[in-house]
Amino acid sequence: IAAYKVQMTEMPQMVGLLNGLGGAASALVAVAEFWRLLGNGEA
């Protein structure tokens, strides 16, 4: 939907948004792994 709807003039905003989502996804991986190890009682 974004590929069809977002204007080329709005591509900088789109790139910024995608950068942010990439960073959030990576941070969530760390949070999830910490939660998993803590929940399982693993060192």
PDB file of all heavy atoms in Angstrom:
ATOM      1  N   ILE A   1       0.837  -1.211   0.000  1.00  0.00           N
ATOM      2  CA  ILE A   1       0.000   0.000   0.000  1.00  0.00           C
ATOM      3  C   ILE A   1       0.867   1.255   0.000  1.00  0.00           C
ATOM      4  O   ILE A   1       0.620   2.209  -0.745  1.00  0.00           O
ATOM      5  CB  ILE A   1      -0.951  -0.013   1.204  1.00  0.00           C
ATOM      6  CG1 ILE A   1      -1.972  -1.148   1.060  1.00  0.00           C
ATOM      7  CG2 ILE A   1      -1.669   1.332   1.340  1.00  0.00           C
ATOM      8  CD1 ILE A   1      -2.829  -1.363   2.295  1.00  0.00           C
ATOM      9  N   ALA A   2       1.922   1.233   0.840  1.00  0.00           N
ATOM     10  CA  ALA A   2       2.814   2.394   0.913  1.00  0.00           C
ATOM     11  C   ALA A   2       3.508   2.634  -0.423  1.00  0.00           C
ATOM     12  O   ALA A   2       3.676   3.784  -0.856  1.00  0.00           O
ATOM     13  CB  ALA A   2       3.850   2.198   2.019  1.00  0.00           C
ATOM     14  N   ALA A   3       3.914   1.543  -1.099  1.00  0.00           N
ATOM     15  CA  ALA A   3       4.615   1.689  -2.376  1.00  0.00           C
ATOM     16  C   ALA A   3       3.739   2.372  -3.415  1.00  0.00           C
ATOM     17  O   ALA A   3       4.236   3.133  -4.255  1.00  0.00           O
ATOM     18  CB  ALA A   3       5.063   0.317  -2.880  1.00  0.00           C
ATOM     19  N   TYR A   4       2.444   2.114  -3.368  1.00  0.00           N
ATOM     20  CA  TYR A   4       1.532   2.717  -4.342  1.00  0.00           C
ATOM     21  C   TYR A   4       1.055   4.097  -3.922  1.00  0.00           C
ATOM     22  O   TYR A   4       0.812   4.963  -4.770  1.00  0.00           O
ATOM     23  CB  TYR A   4       0.319   1.800  -4.552  1.00  0.00           C
ATOM     24  CG  TYR A   4       0.595   0.637  -5.464  1.00  0.00           C
ATOM     25  CD1 TYR A   4       0.781  -0.635  -4.955  1.00  0.00           C
ATOM     26  CD2 TYR A   4       0.663   0.805  -6.857  1.00  0.00           C
ATOM     27  CE1 TYR A   4       1.049  -1.718  -5.792  1.00  0.00           C
ATOM     28  CE2 TYR A   4       0.924  -0.266  -7.692  1.00  0.00           C
ATOM     29  CZ  TYR A   4       1.111  -1.520  -7.160  1.00  0.00           C
ATOM     30  OH  TYR A   4       1.381  -2.583  -7.986  1.00  0.00           O
ATOM     31  N   LYS A   5       0.906   4.324  -2.624  1.00  0.00           N
ATOM     32  CA  LYS A   5       0.276   5.555  -2.155  1.00  0.00           C
ATOM     33  C   LYS A   5       1.263   6.693  -1.891  1.00  0.00           C
ATOM     34  O   LYS A   5       0.934   7.863  -2.096  1.00  0.00           O
ATOM     35  CB  LYS A   5      -0.506   5.270  -0.856  1.00  0.00           C
ATOM     36  CG  LYS A   5      -1.688   4.313  -1.044  1.00  0.00           C
ATOM     37  CD  LYS A   5      -2.785   4.950  -1.868  1.00  0.00           C
ATOM     38  CE  LYS A   5      -4.022   4.050  -1.922  1.00  0.00           C
ATOM     39  NZ  LYS A   5      -5.096   4.653  -2.762  1.00  0.00           N
ATOM     40  N   VAL A   6       2.465   6.363  -1.406  1.00  0.00           N
ATOM     41  CA  VAL A   6       3.408   7.407  -1.009  1.00  0.00           C
ATOM     42  C   VAL A   6       3.979   8.090  -2.247  1.00  0.00           C
ATOM     43  O   VAL A   6       4.498   7.425  -3.147  1.00  0.00           O
ATOM     44  CB  VAL A   6       4.544   6.823  -0.149  1.00  0.00           C
ATOM     45  CG1 VAL A   6       5.589   7.892   0.153  1.00  0.00           C
ATOM     46  CG2 VAL A   6       3.982   6.265   1.151  1.00  0.00           C
ATOM     47  N   GLN A   7       3.880   9.421  -2.292  1.00  0.00           N
ATOM     48  CA  GLN A   7       4.431  10.179  -3.399  1.00  0.00           C
ATOM     49  C   GLN A   7       5.952  10.171  -3.339  1.00  0.00           C
ATOM     50  O   GLN A   7       6.555  10.075  -2.272  1.00  0.00           O
ATOM     51  CB  GLN A   7       3.922  11.626  -3.343  1.00  0.00           C
ATOM     52  CG  GLN A   7       2.421  11.768  -3.462  1.00  0.00           C
ATOM     53  CD  GLN A   7       1.912  11.416  -4.855  1.00  0.00           C
ATOM     54  OE1 GLN A   7       2.624  11.605  -5.847  1.00  0.00           O
ATOM     55  NE2 GLN A   7       0.704  10.897  -4.929  1.00  0.00           N
ATOM     56  N   MET A   8       6.588  10.306  -4.509  1.00  0.00           N
ATOM     57  CA  MET A   8       8.044  10.343  -4.543  1.00  0.00           C
ATOM     58  C   MET A   8       8.585  11.541  -3.774  1.00  0.00           C
ATOM     59  O   MET A   8       9.679  11.483  -3.215  1.00  0.00           O
ATOM     60  CB  MET A   8       8.528  10.393  -5.993  1.00  0.00           C
ATOM     61  CG  MET A   8       8.231   9.140  -6.792  1.00  0.00           C
ATOM     62  SD  MET A   8       9.023   7.661  -6.117  1.00  0.00           S
ATOM     63  CE  MET A   8      10.729   7.982  -6.533  1.00  0.00           C
ATOM     64  N   THR A   9       7.818  12.629  -3.736  1.00  0.00           N
ATOM     65  CA  THR A   9       8.245  13.796  -2.979  1.00  0.00           C
ATOM     66  C   THR A   9       8.246  13.536  -1.478  1.00  0.00           C
ATOM     67  O   THR A   9       8.860  14.280  -0.720  1.00  0.00           O
ATOM     68  CB  THR A   9       7.329  14.990  -3.280  1.00  0.00           C
ATOM     69  OG1 THR A   9       5.967  14.580  -3.126  1.00  0.00           O
ATOM     70  CG2 THR A   9       7.535  15.484  -4.694  1.00  0.00           C
ATOM     71  N   GLU A  10       7.553  12.493  -1.044  1.00  0.00           N
ATOM     72  CA  GLU A  10       7.501  12.139   0.366  1.00  0.00           C
ATOM     73  C   GLU A  10       8.461  10.997   0.707  1.00  0.00           C
ATOM     74  O   GLU A  10       8.430  10.465   1.821  1.00  0.00           O
ATOM     75  CB  GLU A  10       6.074  11.741   0.749  1.00  0.00           C
ATOM     76  CG  GLU A  10       5.057  12.869   0.573  1.00  0.00           C
ATOM     77  CD  GLU A  10       3.632  12.407   0.835  1.00  0.00           C
ATOM     78  OE1 GLU A  10       3.370  11.201   0.679  1.00  0.00           O
ATOM     79  OE2 GLU A  10       2.801  13.245   1.197  1.00  0.00           O
ATOM     80  N   MET A  11       9.322  10.656  -0.229  1.00  0.00           N
ATOM     81  CA  MET A  11      10.242   9.554   0.005  1.00  0.00           C
ATOM     82  C   MET A  11      11.206   9.798   1.165  1.00  0.00           C
ATOM     83  O   MET A  11      11.559   8.853   1.892  1.00  0.00           O
ATOM     84  CB  MET A  11      11.019   9.253  -1.278  1.00  0.00           C
ATOM     85  CG  MET A  11      11.628   7.858  -1.313  1.00  0.00           C
ATOM     86  SD  MET A  11      10.453   6.533  -0.935  1.00  0.00           S
ATOM     87  CE  MET A  11       9.270   6.711  -2.269  1.00  0.00           C
ATOM     88  N   PRO A  12      11.709  11.046   1.394  1.00  0.00           N
ATOM     89  CA  PRO A  12      12.559  11.250   2.571  1.00  0.00           C
ATOM     90  C   PRO A  12      11.867  10.850   3.871  1.00  0.00           C
ATOM     91  O   PRO A  12      12.480  10.220   4.739  1.00  0.00           O
ATOM     92  CB  PRO A  12      12.853  12.759   2.527  1.00  0.00           C
ATOM     93  CG  PRO A  12      12.734  13.115   1.095  1.00  0.00           C
ATOM     94  CD  PRO A  12      11.627  12.255   0.557  1.00  0.00           C
ATOM     95  N   GLN A  13      10.588  11.232   4.008  1.00  0.00           N
ATOM     96  CA  GLN A  13       9.848  10.838   5.203  1.00  0.00           C
ATOM     97  C   GLN A  13       9.734   9.318   5.285  1.00  0.00           C
ATOM     98  O   GLN A  13       9.849   8.730   6.366  1.00  0.00           O
ATOM     99  CB  GLN A  13       8.443  11.450   5.190  1.00  0.00           C
ATOM    100  CG  GLN A  13       8.416  12.964   5.268  1.00  0.00           C
ATOM    101  CD  GLN A  13       8.351  13.632   3.921  1.00  0.00           C
ATOM    102  OE1 GLN A  13       9.226  13.417   3.090  1.00  0.00           O
ATOM    103  NE2 GLN A  13       7.333  14.440   3.684  1.00  0.00           N
ATOM    104  N   MET A  14       9.499   8.695   4.137  1.00  0.00           N
ATOM    105  CA  MET A  14       9.353   7.242   4.108  1.00  0.00           C
ATOM    106  C   MET A  14      10.649   6.555   4.534  1.00  0.00           C
ATOM    107  O   MET A  14      10.638   5.599   5.313  1.00  0.00           O
ATOM    108  CB  MET A  14       8.953   6.800   2.694  1.00  0.00           C
ATOM    109  CG  MET A  14       8.602   5.335   2.577  1.00  0.00           C
ATOM    110  SD  MET A  14       7.064   4.957   3.451  1.00  0.00           S
ATOM    111  CE  MET A  14       6.873   3.227   3.007  1.00  0.00           C
ATOM    112  N   VAL A  15      11.758   7.058   4.030  1.00  0.00           N
ATOM    113  CA  VAL A  15      13.052   6.479   4.398  1.00  0.00           C
ATOM    114  C   VAL A  15      13.304   6.652   5.891  1.00  0.00           C
ATOM    115  O   VAL A  15      13.766   5.728   6.572  1.00  0.00           O
ATOM    116  CB  VAL A  15      14.175   7.132   3.570  1.00  0.00           C
ATOM    117  CG1 VAL A  15      15.540   6.687   4.077  1.00  0.00           C
ATOM    118  CG2 VAL A  15      14.033   6.773   2.099  1.00  0.00           C
ATOM    119  N   GLY A  16      13.003   7.842   6.415  1.00  0.00           N
ATOM    120  CA  GLY A  16      13.170   8.060   7.844  1.00  0.00           C
ATOM    121  C   GLY A  16      12.312   7.113   8.668  1.00  0.00           C
ATOM    122  O   GLY A  16      12.755   6.566   9.681  1.00  0.00           O
ATOM    123  N   LEU A  17      11.074   6.918   8.230  1.00  0.00           N
ATOM    124  CA  LEU A  17      10.169   6.008   8.934  1.00  0.00           C
ATOM    125  C   LEU A  17      10.694   4.578   8.910  1.00  0.00           C
ATOM    126  O   LEU A  17      10.687   3.870   9.935  1.00  0.00           O
ATOM    127  CB  LEU A  17       8.784   6.081   8.299  1.00  0.00           C
ATOM    128  CG  LEU A  17       7.646   5.342   9.004  1.00  0.00           C
ATOM    129  CD1 LEU A  17       7.410   5.916  10.387  1.00  0.00           C
ATOM    130  CD2 LEU A  17       6.370   5.407   8.172  1.00  0.00           C
ATOM    131  N   LEU A  18      11.174   4.130   7.749  1.00  0.00           N
ATOM    132  CA  LEU A  18      11.690   2.767   7.628  1.00  0.00           C
ATOM    133  C   LEU A  18      12.958   2.581   8.458  1.00  0.00           C
ATOM    134  O   LEU A  18      13.169   1.508   9.047  1.00  0.00           O
ATOM    135  CB  LEU A  18      11.962   2.442   6.159  1.00  0.00           C
ATOM    136  CG  LEU A  18      10.717   2.343   5.269  1.00  0.00           C
ATOM    137  CD1 LEU A  18      11.120   2.129   3.818  1.00  0.00           C
ATOM    138  CD2 LEU A  18       9.800   1.225   5.730  1.00  0.00           C
ATOM    139  N   ASN A  19      13.805   3.607   8.506  1.00  0.00           N
ATOM    140  CA  ASN A  19      14.985   3.529   9.377  1.00  0.00           C
ATOM    141  C   ASN A  19      14.567   3.307  10.821  1.00  0.00           C
ATOM    142  O   ASN A  19      15.146   2.476  11.544  1.00  0.00           O
ATOM    143  CB  ASN A  19      15.796   4.825   9.284  1.00  0.00           C
ATOM    144  CG  ASN A  19      16.605   4.918   8.010  1.00  0.00           C
ATOM    145  OD1 ASN A  19      16.844   3.921   7.338  1.00  0.00           O
ATOM    146  ND2 ASN A  19      17.026   6.114   7.665  1.00  0.00           N
ATOM    147  N   GLY A  20      13.553   4.078  11.256  1.00  0.00           N
ATOM    148  CA  GLY A  20      13.090   3.953  12.636  1.00  0.00           C
ATOM    149  C   GLY A  20      12.517   2.585  12.943  1.00  0.00           C
ATOM    150  O   GLY A  20      12.783   2.008  14.005  1.00  0.00           O
ATOM    151  N   LEU A  21      11.739   2.052  12.016  1.00  0.00           N
ATOM    152  CA  LEU A  21      11.160   0.726  12.235  1.00  0.00           C
ATOM    153  C   LEU A  21      12.235  -0.345  12.280  1.00  0.00           C
ATOM    154  O   LEU A  21      12.136  -1.313  13.048  1.00  0.00           O
ATOM    155  CB  LEU A  21      10.144   0.421  11.127  1.00  0.00           C
ATOM    156  CG  LEU A  21       8.894   1.306  11.118  1.00  0.00           C
ATOM    157  CD1 LEU A  21       8.002   0.946   9.936  1.00  0.00           C
ATOM    158  CD2 LEU A  21       8.124   1.183  12.422  1.00  0.00           C
ATOM    159  N   GLY A  22      13.277  -0.175  11.454  1.00  0.00           N
ATOM    160  CA  GLY A  22      14.387  -1.122  11.510  1.00  0.00           C
ATOM    161  C   GLY A  22      15.089  -1.095  12.852  1.00  0.00           C
ATOM    162  O   GLY A  22      15.424  -2.142  13.426  1.00  0.00           O
ATOM    163  N   GLY A  23      15.318   0.111  13.383  1.00  0.00           N
ATOM    164  CA  GLY A  23      15.932   0.225  14.701  1.00  0.00           C
ATOM    165  C   GLY A  23      15.059  -0.352  15.792  1.00  0.00           C
ATOM    166  O   GLY A  23      15.551  -1.032  16.707  1.00  0.00           O
ATOM    167  N   ALA A  24      13.743  -0.101  15.707  1.00  0.00           N
ATOM    168  CA  ALA A  24      12.824  -0.646  16.710  1.00  0.00           C
ATOM    169  C   ALA A  24      12.810  -2.166  16.675  1.00  0.00           C
ATOM    170  O   ALA A  24      12.798  -2.824  17.732  1.00  0.00           O
ATOM    171  CB  ALA A  24      11.416  -0.102  16.458  1.00  0.00           C
ATOM    172  N   ALA A  25      12.799  -2.746  15.458  1.00  0.00           N
ATOM    173  CA  ALA A  25      12.788  -4.207  15.341  1.00  0.00           C
ATOM    174  C   ALA A  25      14.032  -4.815  15.984  1.00  0.00           C
ATOM    175  O   ALA A  25      13.956  -5.829  16.695  1.00  0.00           O
ATOM    176  CB  ALA A  25      12.697  -4.600  13.866  1.00  0.00           C
ATOM    177  N   SER A  26      15.180  -4.192  15.746  1.00  0.00           N
ATOM    178  CA  SER A  26      16.424  -4.711  16.322  1.00  0.00           C
ATOM    179  C   SER A  26      16.406  -4.604  17.845  1.00  0.00           C
ATOM    180  O   SER A  26      16.820  -5.543  18.547  1.00  0.00           O
ATOM    181  CB  SER A  26      17.616  -3.937  15.758  1.00  0.00           C
ATOM    182  OG  SER A  26      17.706  -4.100  14.357  1.00  0.00           O
ATOM    183  N   ALA A  27      15.934  -3.456  18.363  1.00  0.00           N
ATOM    184  CA  ALA A  27      15.873  -3.299  19.817  1.00  0.00           C
ATOM    185  C   ALA A  27      14.908  -4.301  20.436  1.00  0.00           C
ATOM    186  O   ALA A  27      15.162  -4.856  21.525  1.00  0.00           O
ATOM    187  CB  ALA A  27      15.459  -1.864  20.162  1.00  0.00           C
ATOM    188  N   LEU A  28      13.793  -4.572  19.757  1.00  0.00           N
ATOM    189  CA  LEU A  28      12.823  -5.539  20.277  1.00  0.00           C
ATOM    190  C   LEU A  28      13.385  -6.952  20.324  1.00  0.00           C
ATOM    191  O   LEU A  28      13.002  -7.752  21.182  1.00  0.00           O
ATOM    192  CB  LEU A  28      11.546  -5.500  19.428  1.00  0.00           C
ATOM    193  CG  LEU A  28      10.653  -4.279  19.634  1.00  0.00           C
ATOM    194  CD1 LEU A  28       9.509  -4.273  18.619  1.00  0.00           C
ATOM    195  CD2 LEU A  28      10.094  -4.248  21.055  1.00  0.00           C
ATOM    196  N   VAL A  29      14.299  -7.257  19.394  1.00  0.00           N
ATOM    197  CA  VAL A  29      14.967  -8.568  19.445  1.00  0.00           C
ATOM    198  C   VAL A  29      15.735  -8.710  20.756  1.00  0.00           C
ATOM    199  O   VAL A  29      15.665  -9.751  21.428  1.00  0.00           O
ATOM    200  CB  VAL A  29      15.911  -8.741  18.242  1.00  0.00           C
ATOM    201  CG1 VAL A  29      16.817  -9.963  18.435  1.00  0.00           C
ATOM    202  CG2 VAL A  29      15.115  -8.889  16.946  1.00  0.00           C
ATOM    203  N   ALA A  30      16.460  -7.654  21.141  1.00  0.00           N
ATOM    204  CA  ALA A  30      17.211  -7.688  22.395  1.00  0.00           C
ATOM    205  C   ALA A  30      16.282  -7.783  23.591  1.00  0.00           C
ATOM    206  O   ALA A  30      16.535  -8.551  24.536  1.00  0.00           O
ATOM    207  CB  ALA A  30      18.093  -6.450  22.497  1.00  0.00           C
ATOM    208  N   VAL A  31      15.197  -7.008  23.570  1.00  0.00           N
ATOM    209  CA  VAL A  31      14.238  -7.051  24.680  1.00  0.00           C
ATOM    210  C   VAL A  31      13.613  -8.436  24.799  1.00  0.00           C
ATOM    211  O   VAL A  31      13.494  -8.989  25.908  1.00  0.00           O
ATOM    212  CB  VAL A  31      13.141  -5.980  24.472  1.00  0.00           C
ATOM    213  CG1 VAL A  31      12.038  -6.129  25.517  1.00  0.00           C
ATOM    214  CG2 VAL A  31      13.737  -4.569  24.541  1.00  0.00           C
ATOM    215  N   ALA A  32      13.227  -9.023  23.666  1.00  0.00           N
ATOM    216  CA  ALA A  32      12.616 -10.350  23.688  1.00  0.00           C
ATOM    217  C   ALA A  32      13.583 -11.411  24.183  1.00  0.00           C
ATOM    218  O   ALA A  32      13.205 -12.314  24.958  1.00  0.00           O
ATOM    219  CB  ALA A  32      12.116 -10.710  22.278  1.00  0.00           C
ATOM    220  N   GLU A  33      14.840 -11.326  23.770  1.00  0.00           N
ATOM    221  CA  GLU A  33      15.828 -12.315  24.209  1.00  0.00           C
ATOM    222  C   GLU A  33      16.090 -12.181  25.700  1.00  0.00           C
ATOM    223  O   GLU A  33      16.214 -13.190  26.412  1.00  0.00           O
ATOM    224  CB  GLU A  33      17.130 -12.123  23.414  1.00  0.00           C
ATOM    225  CG  GLU A  33      18.210 -13.142  23.733  1.00  0.00           C
ATOM    226  CD  GLU A  33      17.867 -14.558  23.307  1.00  0.00           C
ATOM    227  OE1 GLU A  33      16.823 -14.749  22.642  1.00  0.00           O
ATOM    228  OE2 GLU A  33      18.630 -15.477  23.654  1.00  0.00           O
ATOM    229  N   PHE A  34      16.172 -10.931  26.202  1.00  0.00           N
ATOM    230  CA  PHE A  34      16.358 -10.734  27.640  1.00  0.00           C
ATOM    231  C   PHE A  34      15.172 -11.318  28.409  1.00  0.00           C
ATOM    232  O   PHE A  34      15.350 -12.004  29.426  1.00  0.00           O
ATOM    233  CB  PHE A  34      16.495  -9.232  27.940  1.00  0.00           C
ATOM    234  CG  PHE A  34      16.739  -8.925  29.391  1.00  0.00           C
ATOM    235  CD1 PHE A  34      18.018  -8.901  29.902  1.00  0.00           C
ATOM    236  CD2 PHE A  34      15.673  -8.660  30.256  1.00  0.00           C
ATOM    237  CE1 PHE A  34      18.244  -8.618  31.249  1.00  0.00           C
ATOM    238  CE2 PHE A  34      15.883  -8.373  31.590  1.00  0.00           C
ATOM    239  CZ  PHE A  34      17.175  -8.355  32.093  1.00  0.00           C
ATOM    240  N   TRP A  35      13.968 -11.062  27.908  1.00  0.00           N
ATOM    241  CA  TRP A  35      12.754 -11.558  28.562  1.00  0.00           C
ATOM    242  C   TRP A  35      12.732 -13.090  28.566  1.00  0.00           C
ATOM    243  O   TRP A  35      12.359 -13.721  29.551  1.00  0.00           O
ATOM    244  CB  TRP A  35      11.537 -11.007  27.838  1.00  0.00           C
ATOM    245  CG  TRP A  35      10.244 -11.172  28.587  1.00  0.00           C
ATOM    246  CD1 TRP A  35       9.467 -12.287  28.638  1.00  0.00           C
ATOM    247  CD2 TRP A  35       9.596 -10.192  29.396  1.00  0.00           C
ATOM    248  NE1 TRP A  35       8.368 -12.070  29.409  1.00  0.00           N
ATOM    249  CE2 TRP A  35       8.414 -10.792  29.907  1.00  0.00           C
ATOM    250  CE3 TRP A  35       9.877  -8.876  29.730  1.00  0.00           C
ATOM    251  CZ2 TRP A  35       7.524 -10.106  30.725  1.00  0.00           C
ATOM    252  CZ3 TRP A  35       8.999  -8.202  30.551  1.00  0.00           C
ATOM    253  CH2 TRP A  35       7.841  -8.814  31.041  1.00  0.00           C
ATOM    254  N   ARG A  36      13.155 -13.683  27.428  1.00  0.00           N
ATOM    255  CA  ARG A  36      13.155 -15.154  27.325  1.00  0.00           C
ATOM    256  C   ARG A  36      14.143 -15.778  28.304  1.00  0.00           C
ATOM    257  O   ARG A  36      13.804 -16.731  29.030  1.00  0.00           O
ATOM    258  CB  ARG A  36      13.517 -15.567  25.900  1.00  0.00           C
ATOM    259  CG  ARG A  36      13.449 -17.081  25.653  1.00  0.00           C
ATOM    260  CD  ARG A  36      13.983 -17.439  24.292  1.00  0.00           C
ATOM    261  NE  ARG A  36      15.422 -17.248  24.212  1.00  0.00           N
ATOM    262  CZ  ARG A  36      16.311 -18.157  24.641  1.00  0.00           C
ATOM    263  NH1 ARG A  36      15.901 -19.293  25.201  1.00  0.00           N
ATOM    264  NH2 ARG A  36      17.604 -17.927  24.537  1.00  0.00           N
ATOM    265  N   LEU A  37      15.358 -15.244  28.329  1.00  0.00           N
ATOM    266  CA  LEU A  37      16.369 -15.795  29.225  1.00  0.00           C
ATOM    267  C   LEU A  37      15.971 -15.606  30.683  1.00  0.00           C
ATOM    268  O   LEU A  37      16.156 -16.510  31.515  1.00  0.00           O
ATOM    269  CB  LEU A  37      17.723 -15.130  28.957  1.00  0.00           C
ATOM    270  CG  LEU A  37      18.362 -15.430  27.589  1.00  0.00           C
ATOM    271  CD1 LEU A  37      19.601 -14.578  27.382  1.00  0.00           C
ATOM    272  CD2 LEU A  37      18.716 -16.908  27.481  1.00  0.00           C
ATOM    273  N   LEU A  38      15.401 -14.433  30.985  1.00  0.00           N
ATOM    274  CA  LEU A  38      14.992 -14.169  32.358  1.00  0.00           C
ATOM    275  C   LEU A  38      13.831 -15.078  32.750  1.00  0.00           C
ATOM    276  O   LEU A  38      13.797 -15.622  33.866  1.00  0.00           O
ATOM    277  CB  LEU A  38      14.586 -12.697  32.495  1.00  0.00           C
ATOM    278  CG  LEU A  38      14.438 -12.149  33.921  1.00  0.00           C
ATOM    279  CD1 LEU A  38      15.790 -12.141  34.621  1.00  0.00           C
ATOM    280  CD2 LEU A  38      13.872 -10.731  33.882  1.00  0.00           C
ATOM    281  N   GLY A  39      12.878 -15.283  31.829  1.00  0.00           N
ATOM    282  CA  GLY A  39      11.721 -16.130  32.132  1.00  0.00           C
ATOM    283  C   GLY A  39      12.085 -17.590  32.303  1.00  0.00           C
ATOM    284  O   GLY A  39      11.471 -18.309  33.113  1.00  0.00           O
ATOM    285  N   ASN A  40      13.078 -18.042  31.566  1.00  0.00           N
ATOM    286  CA  ASN A  40      13.508 -19.441  31.667  1.00  0.00           C
ATOM    287  C   ASN A  40      14.499 -19.675  32.793  1.00  0.00           C
ATOM    288  O   ASN A  40      14.912 -20.819  33.027  1.00  0.00           O
ATOM    289  CB  ASN A  40      14.141 -19.906  30.349  1.00  0.00           C
ATOM    290  CG  ASN A  40      13.134 -19.948  29.213  1.00  0.00           C
ATOM    291  OD1 ASN A  40      11.923 -19.993  29.454  1.00  0.00           O
ATOM    292  ND2 ASN A  40      13.625 -19.931  27.985  1.00  0.00           N
ATOM    293  N   GLY A  41      14.894 -18.593  33.457  1.00  0.00           N
ATOM    294  CA  GLY A  41      15.848 -18.729  34.541  1.00  0.00           C
ATOM    295  C   GLY A  41      17.247 -19.072  34.072  1.00  0.00           C
ATOM    296  O   GLY A  41      18.070 -19.564  34.852  1.00  0.00           O
ATOM    297  N   GLU A  42      17.541 -18.784  32.786  1.00  0.00           N
ATOM    298  CA  GLU A  42      18.857 -19.098  32.245  1.00  0.00           C
ATOM    299  C   GLU A  42      19.845 -17.975  32.551  1.00  0.00           C
ATOM    300  O   GLU A  42      19.476 -16.797  32.627  1.00  0.00           O
ATOM    301  CB  GLU A  42      18.776 -19.290  30.732  1.00  0.00           C
ATOM    302  CG  GLU A  42      17.851 -20.407  30.289  1.00  0.00           C
ATOM    303  CD  GLU A  42      17.804 -20.535  28.774  1.00  0.00           C
ATOM    304  OE1 GLU A  42      18.812 -20.194  28.124  1.00  0.00           O
ATOM    305  OE2 GLU A  42      16.761 -20.975  28.239  1.00  0.00           O
ATOM    306  N   ALA A  43      21.111 -18.350  32.698  1.00  0.00           N
ATOM    307  CA  ALA A  43      22.161 -17.357  32.897  1.00  0.00           C
ATOM    308  C   ALA A  43      22.402 -16.617  31.578  1.00  0.00           C
ATOM    309  O   ALA A  43      22.369 -17.222  30.507  1.00  0.00           O
ATOM    310  CB  ALA A  43      23.445 -18.025  33.368  1.00  0.00           C
TER     311      ALA A  43
END
